[in-house]
Amino acid sequence: MLIMLLFGVVAGLVVGWIHFAGLRWTVQRTARNHRRTAWRLASYGVRGLITLAAFLGLTRFGPAVVVGALLGFLAARWLATRFRGPLPVLAPDATEGEPPRRRLPEDERRGLPDTERGDGKA
């Protein structure tokens, strides 16, 4: 029973890592892409199918494995947010269809408006 629970935790960690790494990749990708909605929907579908298929595949090993996988999945989420940290803040002034620019940390400290920043972009 304990071995099956540990197997589930490891499987859940792997599935969670795939899921949340894909989510982070999608967020970074959509920040630079003008087709944000399509990317987000496609990523949500692919990540959901992978996660669902993995959990359905684990059901054949019994309920202890599924419970362990759920615990591992939640642990992967905690690890992803704890150790990867937040994504960089994006400038909110991007026009529709134009990917937002990254806000430079020194500009935030100086409190300069976006038009006076030293990044060469107005």
PDB file of N, CA and C in Angstrom:
ATOM      1  N   MET A   1       0.824  -1.193   0.000  1.00  0.00           N
ATOM      2  CA  MET A   1       0.000   0.000   0.000  1.00  0.00           C
ATOM      3  C   MET A   1       0.873   1.264   0.000  1.00  0.00           C
ATOM      4  N   LEU A   2       1.887   1.291   0.855  1.00  0.00           N
ATOM      5  CA  LEU A   2       2.762   2.454   0.925  1.00  0.00           C
ATOM      6  C   LEU A   2       3.564   2.626  -0.368  1.00  0.00           C
ATOM      7  N   ILE A   3       3.995   1.503  -0.940  1.00  0.00           N
ATOM      8  CA  ILE A   3       4.750   1.557  -2.206  1.00  0.00           C
ATOM      9  C   ILE A   3       3.862   2.113  -3.320  1.00  0.00           C
ATOM     10  N   MET A   4       2.608   1.712  -3.334  1.00  0.00           N
ATOM     11  CA  MET A   4       1.694   2.201  -4.367  1.00  0.00           C
ATOM     12  C   MET A   4       1.419   3.702  -4.170  1.00  0.00           C
ATOM     13  N   LEU A   5       1.304   4.115  -2.921  1.00  0.00           N
ATOM     14  CA  LEU A   5       1.101   5.529  -2.634  1.00  0.00           C
ATOM     15  C   LEU A   5       2.311   6.353  -3.094  1.00  0.00           C
ATOM     16  N   LEU A   6       3.511   5.866  -2.815  1.00  0.00           N
ATOM     17  CA  LEU A   6       4.730   6.558  -3.253  1.00  0.00           C
ATOM     18  C   LEU A   6       4.852   6.578  -4.776  1.00  0.00           C
ATOM     19  N   PHE A   7       4.474   5.479  -5.405  1.00  0.00           N
ATOM     20  CA  PHE A   7       4.454   5.439  -6.870  1.00  0.00           C
ATOM     21  C   PHE A   7       3.511   6.518  -7.415  1.00  0.00           C
ATOM     22  N   GLY A   8       2.359   6.648  -6.781  1.00  0.00           N
ATOM     23  CA  GLY A   8       1.399   7.675  -7.197  1.00  0.00           C
ATOM     24  C   GLY A   8       1.937   9.078  -6.998  1.00  0.00           C
ATOM     25  N   VAL A   9       2.614   9.299  -5.875  1.00  0.00           N
ATOM     26  CA  VAL A   9       3.180  10.635  -5.621  1.00  0.00           C
ATOM     27  C   VAL A   9       4.210  10.985  -6.695  1.00  0.00           C
ATOM     28  N   VAL A  10       5.069  10.048  -7.025  1.00  0.00           N
ATOM     29  CA  VAL A  10       6.083  10.307  -8.058  1.00  0.00           C
ATOM     30  C   VAL A  10       5.410  10.551  -9.411  1.00  0.00           C
ATOM     31  N   ALA A  11       4.413   9.748  -9.734  1.00  0.00           N
ATOM     32  CA  ALA A  11       3.698   9.937 -11.000  1.00  0.00           C
ATOM     33  C   ALA A  11       2.997  11.296 -11.014  1.00  0.00           C
ATOM     34  N   GLY A  12       2.393  11.676  -9.897  1.00  0.00           N
ATOM     35  CA  GLY A  12       1.732  12.978  -9.810  1.00  0.00           C
ATOM     36  C   GLY A  12       2.704  14.134  -9.940  1.00  0.00           C
ATOM     37  N   LEU A  13       3.896  13.980  -9.363  1.00  0.00           N
ATOM     38  CA  LEU A  13       4.923  15.014  -9.513  1.00  0.00           C
ATOM     39  C   LEU A  13       5.322  15.186 -10.975  1.00  0.00           C
ATOM     40  N   VAL A  14       5.469  14.072 -11.675  1.00  0.00           N
ATOM     41  CA  VAL A  14       5.853  14.139 -13.094  1.00  0.00           C
ATOM     42  C   VAL A  14       4.737  14.786 -13.920  1.00  0.00           C
ATOM     43  N   VAL A  15       3.499  14.347 -13.694  1.00  0.00           N
ATOM     44  CA  VAL A  15       2.370  14.910 -14.437  1.00  0.00           C
ATOM     45  C   VAL A  15       2.211  16.391 -14.101  1.00  0.00           C
ATOM     46  N   GLY A  16       2.342  16.736 -12.834  1.00  0.00           N
ATOM     47  CA  GLY A  16       2.242  18.137 -12.429  1.00  0.00           C
ATOM     48  C   GLY A  16       3.343  18.988 -13.019  1.00  0.00           C
ATOM     49  N   TRP A  17       4.562  18.434 -13.063  1.00  0.00           N
ATOM     50  CA  TRP A  17       5.661  19.190 -13.660  1.00  0.00           C
ATOM     51  C   TRP A  17       5.375  19.468 -15.137  1.00  0.00           C
ATOM     52  N   ILE A  18       4.893  18.465 -15.856  1.00  0.00           N
ATOM     53  CA  ILE A  18       4.557  18.661 -17.266  1.00  0.00           C
ATOM     54  C   ILE A  18       3.456  19.709 -17.406  1.00  0.00           C
ATOM     55  N   HIS A  19       2.431  19.590 -16.575  1.00  0.00           N
ATOM     56  CA  HIS A  19       1.296  20.503 -16.650  1.00  0.00           C
ATOM     57  C   HIS A  19       1.711  21.945 -16.359  1.00  0.00           C
ATOM     58  N   PHE A  20       2.416  22.169 -15.266  1.00  0.00           N
ATOM     59  CA  PHE A  20       2.737  23.530 -14.862  1.00  0.00           C
ATOM     60  C   PHE A  20       3.910  24.114 -15.653  1.00  0.00           C
ATOM     61  N   ALA A  21       4.802  23.286 -16.146  1.00  0.00           N
ATOM     62  CA  ALA A  21       5.839  23.790 -17.057  1.00  0.00           C
ATOM     63  C   ALA A  21       5.193  24.237 -18.368  1.00  0.00           C
ATOM     64  N   GLY A  22       4.204  23.481 -18.822  1.00  0.00           N
ATOM     65  CA  GLY A  22       3.465  23.877 -20.021  1.00  0.00           C
ATOM     66  C   GLY A  22       2.686  25.164 -19.813  1.00  0.00           C
ATOM     67  N   LEU A  23       2.133  25.332 -18.627  1.00  0.00           N
ATOM     68  CA  LEU A  23       1.408  26.566 -18.321  1.00  0.00           C
ATOM     69  C   LEU A  23       2.354  27.764 -18.321  1.00  0.00           C
ATOM     70  N   ARG A  24       3.495  27.606 -17.705  1.00  0.00           N
ATOM     71  CA  ARG A  24       4.470  28.709 -17.677  1.00  0.00           C
ATOM     72  C   ARG A  24       4.962  29.034 -19.083  1.00  0.00           C
ATOM     73  N   TRP A  25       5.238  28.005 -19.874  1.00  0.00           N
ATOM     74  CA  TRP A  25       5.678  28.219 -21.248  1.00  0.00           C
ATOM     75  C   TRP A  25       4.604  28.969 -22.037  1.00  0.00           C
ATOM     76  N   THR A  26       3.345  28.593 -21.822  1.00  0.00           N
ATOM     77  CA  THR A  26       2.242  29.249 -22.527  1.00  0.00           C
ATOM     78  C   THR A  26       2.136  30.715 -22.140  1.00  0.00           C
ATOM     79  N   VAL A  27       2.241  31.006 -20.869  1.00  0.00           N
ATOM     80  CA  VAL A  27       2.142  32.400 -20.417  1.00  0.00           C
ATOM     81  C   VAL A  27       3.278  33.226 -21.005  1.00  0.00           C
ATOM     82  N   GLN A  28       4.476  32.679 -21.016  1.00  0.00           N
ATOM     83  CA  GLN A  28       5.602  33.405 -21.601  1.00  0.00           C
ATOM     84  C   GLN A  28       5.408  33.572 -23.105  1.00  0.00           C
ATOM     85  N   ARG A  29       4.901  32.547 -23.761  1.00  0.00           N
ATOM     86  CA  ARG A  29       4.710  32.586 -25.209  1.00  0.00           C
ATOM     87  C   ARG A  29       3.622  33.583 -25.592  1.00  0.00           C
ATOM     88  N   THR A  30       2.524  33.603 -24.853  1.00  0.00           N
ATOM     89  CA  THR A  30       1.429  34.504 -25.208  1.00  0.00           C
ATOM     90  C   THR A  30       1.764  35.952 -24.905  1.00  0.00           C
ATOM     91  N   ALA A  31       2.721  36.193 -24.035  1.00  0.00           N
ATOM     92  CA  ALA A  31       3.117  37.574 -23.770  1.00  0.00           C
ATOM     93  C   ALA A  31       3.803  38.191 -24.979  1.00  0.00           C
ATOM     94  N   ARG A  32       4.363  37.373 -25.857  1.00  0.00           N
ATOM     95  CA  ARG A  32       5.078  37.881 -27.032  1.00  0.00           C
ATOM     96  C   ARG A  32       4.332  37.609 -28.336  1.00  0.00           C
ATOM     97  N   ASN A  33       3.112  37.128 -28.265  1.00  0.00           N
ATOM     98  CA  ASN A  33       2.406  36.687 -29.451  1.00  0.00           C
ATOM     99  C   ASN A  33       1.095  37.443 -29.595  1.00  0.00           C
ATOM    100  N   HIS A  34       0.711  37.753 -30.806  1.00  0.00           N
ATOM    101  CA  HIS A  34      -0.542  38.467 -31.017  1.00  0.00           C
ATOM    102  C   HIS A  34      -1.754  37.538 -31.065  1.00  0.00           C
ATOM    103  N   ARG A  35      -1.549  36.232 -31.119  1.00  0.00           N
ATOM    104  CA  ARG A  35      -2.660  35.269 -31.124  1.00  0.00           C
ATOM    105  C   ARG A  35      -2.789  34.621 -29.741  1.00  0.00           C
ATOM    106  N   ARG A  36      -2.988  35.451 -28.739  1.00  0.00           N
ATOM    107  CA  ARG A  36      -2.993  34.995 -27.351  1.00  0.00           C
ATOM    108  C   ARG A  36      -4.097  33.995 -27.073  1.00  0.00           C
ATOM    109  N   THR A  37      -5.295  34.263 -27.525  1.00  0.00           N
ATOM    110  CA  THR A  37      -6.436  33.410 -27.208  1.00  0.00           C
ATOM    111  C   THR A  37      -6.260  32.021 -27.796  1.00  0.00           C
ATOM    112  N   ALA A  38      -5.809  31.934 -29.020  1.00  0.00           N
ATOM    113  CA  ALA A  38      -5.614  30.628 -29.655  1.00  0.00           C
ATOM    114  C   ALA A  38      -4.553  29.814 -28.916  1.00  0.00           C
ATOM    115  N   TRP A  39      -3.459  30.463 -28.550  1.00  0.00           N
ATOM    116  CA  TRP A  39      -2.403  29.759 -27.811  1.00  0.00           C
ATOM    117  C   TRP A  39      -2.906  29.260 -26.475  1.00  0.00           C
ATOM    118  N   ARG A  40      -3.639  30.119 -25.763  1.00  0.00           N
ATOM    119  CA  ARG A  40      -4.128  29.734 -24.437  1.00  0.00           C
ATOM    120  C   ARG A  40      -5.119  28.583 -24.519  1.00  0.00           C
ATOM    121  N   LEU A  41      -6.030  28.638 -25.472  1.00  0.00           N
ATOM    122  CA  LEU A  41      -7.003  27.556 -25.616  1.00  0.00           C
ATOM    123  C   LEU A  41      -6.331  26.246 -26.015  1.00  0.00           C
ATOM    124  N   ALA A  42      -5.409  26.321 -26.955  1.00  0.00           N
ATOM    125  CA  ALA A  42      -4.708  25.109 -27.381  1.00  0.00           C
ATOM    126  C   ALA A  42      -3.888  24.522 -26.231  1.00  0.00           C
ATOM    127  N   SER A  43      -3.203  25.372 -25.500  1.00  0.00           N
ATOM    128  CA  SER A  43      -2.403  24.897 -24.376  1.00  0.00           C
ATOM    129  C   SER A  43      -3.281  24.277 -23.302  1.00  0.00           C
ATOM    130  N   TYR A  44      -4.406  24.929 -23.007  1.00  0.00           N
ATOM    131  CA  TYR A  44      -5.320  24.395 -21.998  1.00  0.00           C
ATOM    132  C   TYR A  44      -5.823  23.016 -22.406  1.00  0.00           C
ATOM    133  N   GLY A  45      -6.174  22.870 -23.674  1.00  0.00           N
ATOM    134  CA  GLY A  45      -6.659  21.588 -24.156  1.00  0.00           C
ATOM    135  C   GLY A  45      -5.598  20.499 -24.098  1.00  0.00           C
ATOM    136  N   VAL A  46      -4.401  20.803 -24.559  1.00  0.00           N
ATOM    137  CA  VAL A  46      -3.323  19.805 -24.563  1.00  0.00           C
ATOM    138  C   VAL A  46      -2.924  19.430 -23.140  1.00  0.00           C
ATOM    139  N   ARG A  47      -2.747  20.440 -22.283  1.00  0.00           N
ATOM    140  CA  ARG A  47      -2.375  20.145 -20.891  1.00  0.00           C
ATOM    141  C   ARG A  47      -3.467  19.352 -20.185  1.00  0.00           C
ATOM    142  N   GLY A  48      -4.720  19.715 -20.442  1.00  0.00           N
ATOM    143  CA  GLY A  48      -5.838  18.993 -19.831  1.00  0.00           C
ATOM    144  C   GLY A  48      -5.914  17.556 -20.292  1.00  0.00           C
ATOM    145  N   LEU A  49      -5.724  17.331 -21.582  1.00  0.00           N
ATOM    146  CA  LEU A  49      -5.759  15.951 -22.105  1.00  0.00           C
ATOM    147  C   LEU A  49      -4.620  15.105 -21.552  1.00  0.00           C
ATOM    148  N   ILE A  50      -3.434  15.669 -21.471  1.00  0.00           N
ATOM    149  CA  ILE A  50      -2.297  14.924 -20.925  1.00  0.00           C
ATOM    150  C   ILE A  50      -2.548  14.575 -19.464  1.00  0.00           C
ATOM    151  N   THR A  51      -3.015  15.552 -18.698  1.00  0.00           N
ATOM    152  CA  THR A  51      -3.273  15.319 -17.281  1.00  0.00           C
ATOM    153  C   THR A  51      -4.386  14.299 -17.092  1.00  0.00           C
ATOM    154  N   LEU A  52      -5.467  14.441 -17.837  1.00  0.00           N
ATOM    155  CA  LEU A  52      -6.583  13.503 -17.731  1.00  0.00           C
ATOM    156  C   LEU A  52      -6.164  12.094 -18.137  1.00  0.00           C
ATOM    157  N   ALA A  53      -5.422  11.972 -19.222  1.00  0.00           N
ATOM    158  CA  ALA A  53      -4.967  10.656 -19.668  1.00  0.00           C
ATOM    159  C   ALA A  53      -4.052  10.004 -18.637  1.00  0.00           C
ATOM    160  N   ALA A  54      -3.190  10.796 -18.033  1.00  0.00           N
ATOM    161  CA  ALA A  54      -2.287  10.247 -17.013  1.00  0.00           C
ATOM    162  C   ALA A  54      -3.069   9.752 -15.801  1.00  0.00           C
ATOM    163  N   PHE A  55      -4.023  10.546 -15.325  1.00  0.00           N
ATOM    164  CA  PHE A  55      -4.796  10.122 -14.162  1.00  0.00           C
ATOM    165  C   PHE A  55      -5.698   8.936 -14.482  1.00  0.00           C
ATOM    166  N   LEU A  56      -6.266   8.921 -15.676  1.00  0.00           N
ATOM    167  CA  LEU A  56      -7.072   7.753 -16.055  1.00  0.00           C
ATOM    168  C   LEU A  56      -6.206   6.502 -16.171  1.00  0.00           C
ATOM    169  N   GLY A  57      -4.989   6.658 -16.674  1.00  0.00           N
ATOM    170  CA  GLY A  57      -4.075   5.526 -16.755  1.00  0.00           C
ATOM    171  C   GLY A  57      -3.658   5.019 -15.382  1.00  0.00           C
ATOM    172  N   LEU A  58      -3.581   5.912 -14.418  1.00  0.00           N
ATOM    173  CA  LEU A  58      -3.186   5.516 -13.067  1.00  0.00           C
ATOM    174  C   LEU A  58      -4.320   4.827 -12.303  1.00  0.00           C
ATOM    175  N   THR A  59      -5.553   4.977 -12.758  1.00  0.00           N
ATOM    176  CA  THR A  59      -6.666   4.346 -12.047  1.00  0.00           C
ATOM    177  C   THR A  59      -6.588   2.828 -12.087  1.00  0.00           C
ATOM    178  N   ARG A  60      -5.923   2.266 -13.066  1.00  0.00           N
ATOM    179  CA  ARG A  60      -5.824   0.801 -13.142  1.00  0.00           C
ATOM    180  C   ARG A  60      -4.963   0.211 -12.023  1.00  0.00           C
ATOM    181  N   PHE A  61      -4.164   1.047 -11.370  1.00  0.00           N
ATOM    182  CA  PHE A  61      -3.311   0.557 -10.290  1.00  0.00           C
ATOM    183  C   PHE A  61      -3.984   0.637  -8.923  1.00  0.00           C
ATOM    184  N   GLY A  62      -5.147   1.244  -8.854  1.00  0.00           N
ATOM    185  CA  GLY A  62      -5.880   1.279  -7.597  1.00  0.00           C
ATOM    186  C   GLY A  62      -6.025   2.677  -7.025  1.00  0.00           C
ATOM    187  N   PRO A  63      -6.881   2.801  -6.012  1.00  0.00           N
ATOM    188  CA  PRO A  63      -7.158   4.121  -5.443  1.00  0.00           C
ATOM    189  C   PRO A  63      -5.967   4.736  -4.710  1.00  0.00           C
ATOM    190  N   ALA A  64      -5.098   3.932  -4.135  1.00  0.00           N
ATOM    191  CA  ALA A  64      -3.941   4.485  -3.424  1.00  0.00           C
ATOM    192  C   ALA A  64      -3.025   5.239  -4.392  1.00  0.00           C
ATOM    193  N   VAL A  65      -2.875   4.735  -5.584  1.00  0.00           N
ATOM    194  CA  VAL A  65      -2.034   5.393  -6.584  1.00  0.00           C
ATOM    195  C   VAL A  65      -2.668   6.714  -7.018  1.00  0.00           C
ATOM    196  N   VAL A  66      -3.977   6.715  -7.181  1.00  0.00           N
ATOM    197  CA  VAL A  66      -4.664   7.942  -7.599  1.00  0.00           C
ATOM    198  C   VAL A  66      -4.565   9.014  -6.508  1.00  0.00           C
ATOM    199  N   VAL A  67      -4.763   8.613  -5.254  1.00  0.00           N
ATOM    200  CA  VAL A  67      -4.633   9.565  -4.147  1.00  0.00           C
ATOM    201  C   VAL A  67      -3.198  10.093  -4.084  1.00  0.00           C
ATOM    202  N   GLY A  68      -2.220   9.215  -4.229  1.00  0.00           N
ATOM    203  CA  GLY A  68      -0.828   9.652  -4.245  1.00  0.00           C
ATOM    204  C   GLY A  68      -0.541  10.578  -5.405  1.00  0.00           C
ATOM    205  N   ALA A  69      -1.132  10.295  -6.571  1.00  0.00           N
ATOM    206  CA  ALA A  69      -0.927  11.144  -7.735  1.00  0.00           C
ATOM    207  C   ALA A  69      -1.533  12.526  -7.519  1.00  0.00           C
ATOM    208  N   LEU A  70      -2.687  12.591  -6.892  1.00  0.00           N
ATOM    209  CA  LEU A  70      -3.279  13.887  -6.581  1.00  0.00           C
ATOM    210  C   LEU A  70      -2.393  14.677  -5.616  1.00  0.00           C
ATOM    211  N   LEU A  71      -1.858  14.009  -4.631  1.00  0.00           N
ATOM    212  CA  LEU A  71      -0.941  14.672  -3.696  1.00  0.00           C
ATOM    213  C   LEU A  71       0.323  15.137  -4.423  1.00  0.00           C
ATOM    214  N   GLY A  72       0.851  14.304  -5.289  1.00  0.00           N
ATOM    215  CA  GLY A  72       2.032  14.683  -6.064  1.00  0.00           C
ATOM    216  C   GLY A  72       1.754  15.842  -7.007  1.00  0.00           C
ATOM    217  N   PHE A  73       0.572  15.855  -7.611  1.00  0.00           N
ATOM    218  CA  PHE A  73       0.187  16.940  -8.513  1.00  0.00           C
ATOM    219  C   PHE A  73       0.111  18.259  -7.748  1.00  0.00           C
ATOM    220  N   LEU A  74      -0.505  18.223  -6.568  1.00  0.00           N
ATOM    221  CA  LEU A  74      -0.583  19.434  -5.746  1.00  0.00           C
ATOM    222  C   LEU A  74       0.801  19.870  -5.271  1.00  0.00           C
ATOM    223  N   ALA A  75       1.646  18.907  -4.961  1.00  0.00           N
ATOM    224  CA  ALA A  75       3.018  19.241  -4.556  1.00  0.00           C
ATOM    225  C   ALA A  75       3.778  19.869  -5.719  1.00  0.00           C
ATOM    226  N   ALA A  76       3.545  19.393  -6.929  1.00  0.00           N
ATOM    227  CA  ALA A  76       4.206  19.979  -8.108  1.00  0.00           C
ATOM    228  C   ALA A  76       3.753  21.418  -8.307  1.00  0.00           C
ATOM    229  N   ARG A  77       2.490  21.688  -8.059  1.00  0.00           N
ATOM    230  CA  ARG A  77       2.001  23.065  -8.166  1.00  0.00           C
ATOM    231  C   ARG A  77       2.686  23.946  -7.129  1.00  0.00           C
ATOM    232  N   TRP A  78       2.776  23.467  -5.915  1.00  0.00           N
ATOM    233  CA  TRP A  78       3.425  24.244  -4.858  1.00  0.00           C
ATOM    234  C   TRP A  78       4.891  24.482  -5.202  1.00  0.00           C
ATOM    235  N   LEU A  79       5.572  23.437  -5.674  1.00  0.00           N
ATOM    236  CA  LEU A  79       6.983  23.578  -6.039  1.00  0.00           C
ATOM    237  C   LEU A  79       7.163  24.551  -7.203  1.00  0.00           C
ATOM    238  N   ALA A  80       6.261  24.485  -8.172  1.00  0.00           N
ATOM    239  CA  ALA A  80       6.369  25.374  -9.335  1.00  0.00           C
ATOM    240  C   ALA A  80       6.220  26.831  -8.932  1.00  0.00           C
ATOM    241  N   THR A  81       5.291  27.118  -8.038  1.00  0.00           N
ATOM    242  CA  THR A  81       5.107  28.507  -7.630  1.00  0.00           C
ATOM    243  C   THR A  81       6.155  28.944  -6.613  1.00  0.00           C
ATOM    244  N   ARG A  82       6.644  28.022  -5.833  1.00  0.00           N
ATOM    245  CA  ARG A  82       7.603  28.369  -4.774  1.00  0.00           C
ATOM    246  C   ARG A  82       8.996  28.635  -5.340  1.00  0.00           C
ATOM    247  N   PHE A  83       9.462  27.794  -6.238  1.00  0.00           N
ATOM    248  CA  PHE A  83      10.848  27.875  -6.683  1.00  0.00           C
ATOM    249  C   PHE A  83      11.033  28.571  -8.027  1.00  0.00           C
ATOM    250  N   ARG A  84      10.025  28.613  -8.858  1.00  0.00           N
ATOM    251  CA  ARG A  84      10.173  29.306 -10.141  1.00  0.00           C
ATOM    252  C   ARG A  84       9.899  30.788 -10.007  1.00  0.00           C
ATOM    253  N   GLY A  85       9.088  31.167  -9.062  1.00  0.00           N
ATOM    254  CA  GLY A  85       8.789  32.578  -8.845  1.00  0.00           C
ATOM    255  C   GLY A  85       7.812  33.117  -9.868  1.00  0.00           C
ATOM    256  N   PRO A  86       7.403  34.362  -9.681  1.00  0.00           N
ATOM    257  CA  PRO A  86       6.441  34.956 -10.606  1.00  0.00           C
ATOM    258  C   PRO A  86       7.101  35.328 -11.923  1.00  0.00           C
ATOM    259  N   LEU A  87       6.280  35.451 -12.939  1.00  0.00           N
ATOM    260  CA  LEU A  87       6.758  35.918 -14.233  1.00  0.00           C
ATOM    261  C   LEU A  87       7.034  37.413 -14.146  1.00  0.00           C
ATOM    262  N   PRO A  88       7.902  37.952 -15.010  1.00  0.00           N
ATOM    263  CA  PRO A  88       8.191  39.388 -14.960  1.00  0.00           C
ATOM    264  C   PRO A  88       6.947  40.212 -15.275  1.00  0.00           C
ATOM    265  N   VAL A  89       6.896  41.399 -14.712  1.00  0.00           N
ATOM    266  CA  VAL A  89       5.773  42.296 -14.943  1.00  0.00           C
ATOM    267  C   VAL A  89       5.878  42.840 -16.355  1.00  0.00           C
ATOM    268  N   LEU A  90       4.758  42.826 -17.057  1.00  0.00           N
ATOM    269  CA  LEU A  90       4.730  43.335 -18.424  1.00  0.00           C
ATOM    270  C   LEU A  90       4.108  44.724 -18.433  1.00  0.00           C
ATOM    271  N   ALA A  91       4.607  45.559 -19.306  1.00  0.00           N
ATOM    272  CA  ALA A  91       4.080  46.914 -19.419  1.00  0.00           C
ATOM    273  C   ALA A  91       2.628  46.848 -19.888  1.00  0.00           C
ATOM    274  N   PRO A  92       1.723  47.555 -19.231  1.00  0.00           N
ATOM    275  CA  PRO A  92       0.308  47.465 -19.584  1.00  0.00           C
ATOM    276  C   PRO A  92      -0.100  48.350 -20.762  1.00  0.00           C
ATOM    277  N   ASP A  93       0.837  49.034 -21.408  1.00  0.00           N
ATOM    278  CA  ASP A  93       0.476  50.020 -22.423  1.00  0.00           C
ATOM    279  C   ASP A  93       0.546  49.493 -23.851  1.00  0.00           C
ATOM    280  N   ALA A  94       0.608  48.201 -24.042  1.00  0.00           N
ATOM    281  CA  ALA A  94       0.688  47.662 -25.399  1.00  0.00           C
ATOM    282  C   ALA A  94      -0.662  47.826 -26.100  1.00  0.00           C
ATOM    283  N   THR A  95      -0.594  48.165 -27.373  1.00  0.00           N
ATOM    284  CA  THR A  95      -1.827  48.302 -28.140  1.00  0.00           C
ATOM    285  C   THR A  95      -2.316  46.929 -28.565  1.00  0.00           C
ATOM    286  N   GLU A  96      -3.552  46.862 -28.978  1.00  0.00           N
ATOM    287  CA  GLU A  96      -4.147  45.587 -29.386  1.00  0.00           C
ATOM    288  C   GLU A  96      -3.383  45.020 -30.578  1.00  0.00           C
ATOM    289  N   GLY A  97      -3.047  43.771 -30.516  1.00  0.00           N
ATOM    290  CA  GLY A  97      -2.315  43.109 -31.581  1.00  0.00           C
ATOM    291  C   GLY A  97      -0.810  43.232 -31.452  1.00  0.00           C
ATOM    292  N   GLU A  98      -0.351  44.100 -30.572  1.00  0.00           N
ATOM    293  CA  GLU A  98       1.090  44.268 -30.354  1.00  0.00           C
ATOM    294  C   GLU A  98       1.454  43.589 -29.040  1.00  0.00           C
ATOM    295  N   PRO A  99       2.474  42.747 -29.045  1.00  0.00           N
ATOM    296  CA  PRO A  99       2.850  42.101 -27.790  1.00  0.00           C
ATOM    297  C   PRO A  99       3.338  43.121 -26.773  1.00  0.00           C
ATOM    298  N   PRO A 100       2.966  42.953 -25.497  1.00  0.00           N
ATOM    299  CA  PRO A 100       3.427  43.911 -24.494  1.00  0.00           C
ATOM    300  C   PRO A 100       4.930  43.844 -24.284  1.00  0.00           C
ATOM    301  N   ARG A 101       5.503  44.971 -23.900  1.00  0.00           N
ATOM    302  CA  ARG A 101       6.941  45.042 -23.643  1.00  0.00           C
ATOM    303  C   ARG A 101       7.202  44.744 -22.180  1.00  0.00           C
ATOM    304  N   ARG A 102       8.398  44.257 -21.912  1.00  0.00           N
ATOM    305  CA  ARG A 102       8.799  44.070 -20.521  1.00  0.00           C
ATOM    306  C   ARG A 102       9.145  45.419 -19.923  1.00  0.00           C
ATOM    307  N   ARG A 103       8.695  45.626 -18.721  1.00  0.00           N
ATOM    308  CA  ARG A 103       9.026  46.861 -18.020  1.00  0.00           C
ATOM    309  C   ARG A 103      10.393  46.675 -17.384  1.00  0.00           C
ATOM    310  N   LEU A 104      11.264  47.615 -17.596  1.00  0.00           N
ATOM    311  CA  LEU A 104      12.615  47.524 -17.064  1.00  0.00           C
ATOM    312  C   LEU A 104      12.616  47.880 -15.583  1.00  0.00           C
ATOM    313  N   PRO A 105      13.316  47.102 -14.749  1.00  0.00           N
ATOM    314  CA  PRO A 105      13.297  47.364 -13.306  1.00  0.00           C
ATOM    315  C   PRO A 105      13.809  48.748 -12.938  1.00  0.00           C
ATOM    316  N   GLU A 106      14.836  49.268 -13.627  1.00  0.00           N
ATOM    317  CA  GLU A 106      15.361  50.579 -13.262  1.00  0.00           C
ATOM    318  C   GLU A 106      14.358  51.680 -13.572  1.00  0.00           C
ATOM    319  N   ASP A 107      13.499  51.478 -14.571  1.00  0.00           N
ATOM    320  CA  ASP A 107      12.477  52.469 -14.878  1.00  0.00           C
ATOM    321  C   ASP A 107      11.417  52.501 -13.782  1.00  0.00           C
ATOM    322  N   GLU A 108      11.116  51.346 -13.208  1.00  0.00           N
ATOM    323  CA  GLU A 108      10.149  51.317 -12.120  1.00  0.00           C
ATOM    324  C   GLU A 108      10.702  52.040 -10.904  1.00  0.00           C
ATOM    325  N   ARG A 109      11.994  51.879 -10.646  1.00  0.00           N
ATOM    326  CA  ARG A 109      12.591  52.549  -9.496  1.00  0.00           C
ATOM    327  C   ARG A 109      12.597  54.065  -9.677  1.00  0.00           C
ATOM    328  N   ARG A 110      12.870  54.505 -10.895  1.00  0.00           N
ATOM    329  CA  ARG A 110      12.931  55.942 -11.150  1.00  0.00           C
ATOM    330  C   ARG A 110      11.539  56.540 -11.304  1.00  0.00           C
ATOM    331  N   GLY A 111      10.541  55.701 -11.557  1.00  0.00           N
ATOM    332  CA  GLY A 111       9.181  56.185 -11.708  1.00  0.00           C
ATOM    333  C   GLY A 111       8.933  56.910 -13.014  1.00  0.00           C
ATOM    334  N   LEU A 112       9.707  56.592 -14.052  1.00  0.00           N
ATOM    335  CA  LEU A 112       9.539  57.265 -15.333  1.00  0.00           C
ATOM    336  C   LEU A 112       8.319  56.712 -16.061  1.00  0.00           C
ATOM    337  N   PRO A 113       7.577  57.574 -16.743  1.00  0.00           N
ATOM    338  CA  PRO A 113       6.503  57.051 -17.591  1.00  0.00           C
ATOM    339  C   PRO A 113       7.089  56.290 -18.773  1.00  0.00           C
ATOM    340  N   ASP A 114       6.256  55.499 -19.424  1.00  0.00           N
ATOM    341  CA  ASP A 114       6.732  54.631 -20.498  1.00  0.00           C
ATOM    342  C   ASP A 114       7.372  55.399 -21.650  1.00  0.00           C
ATOM    343  N   THR A 115       6.954  56.629 -21.896  1.00  0.00           N
ATOM    344  CA  THR A 115       7.508  57.382 -23.028  1.00  0.00           C
ATOM    345  C   THR A 115       8.904  57.895 -22.743  1.00  0.00           C
ATOM    346  N   GLU A 116       9.319  57.946 -21.485  1.00  0.00           N
ATOM    347  CA  GLU A 116      10.632  58.459 -21.129  1.00  0.00           C
ATOM    348  C   GLU A 116      11.621  57.349 -20.760  1.00  0.00           C
ATOM    349  N   ARG A 117      11.231  56.106 -21.026  1.00  0.00           N
ATOM    350  CA  ARG A 117      12.115  55.016 -20.663  1.00  0.00           C
ATOM    351  C   ARG A 117      13.328  54.964 -21.584  1.00  0.00           C
ATOM    352  N   GLY A 118      14.378  54.353 -21.111  1.00  0.00           N
ATOM    353  CA  GLY A 118      15.605  54.284 -21.884  1.00  0.00           C
ATOM    354  C   GLY A 118      15.744  53.030 -22.716  1.00  0.00           C
ATOM    355  N   ASP A 119      14.625  52.355 -23.041  1.00  0.00           N
ATOM    356  CA  ASP A 119      14.752  51.109 -23.800  1.00  0.00           C
ATOM    357  C   ASP A 119      14.621  51.324 -25.308  1.00  0.00           C
ATOM    358  N   GLY A 120      14.462  52.573 -25.749  1.00  0.00           N
ATOM    359  CA  GLY A 120      14.403  52.857 -27.171  1.00  0.00           C
ATOM    360  C   GLY A 120      13.035  52.639 -27.776  1.00  0.00           C
ATOM    361  N   LYS A 121      12.053  52.246 -26.972  1.00  0.00           N
ATOM    362  CA  LYS A 121      10.702  52.025 -27.477  1.00  0.00           C
ATOM    363  C   LYS A 121       9.784  53.086 -26.884  1.00  0.00           C
ATOM    364  N   ALA A 122       8.984  53.661 -27.714  1.00  0.00           N
ATOM    365  CA  ALA A 122       8.060  54.691 -27.208  1.00  0.00           C
ATOM    366  C   ALA A 122       6.675  54.150 -27.066  1.00  0.00           C
TER     367      ALA A 122
END
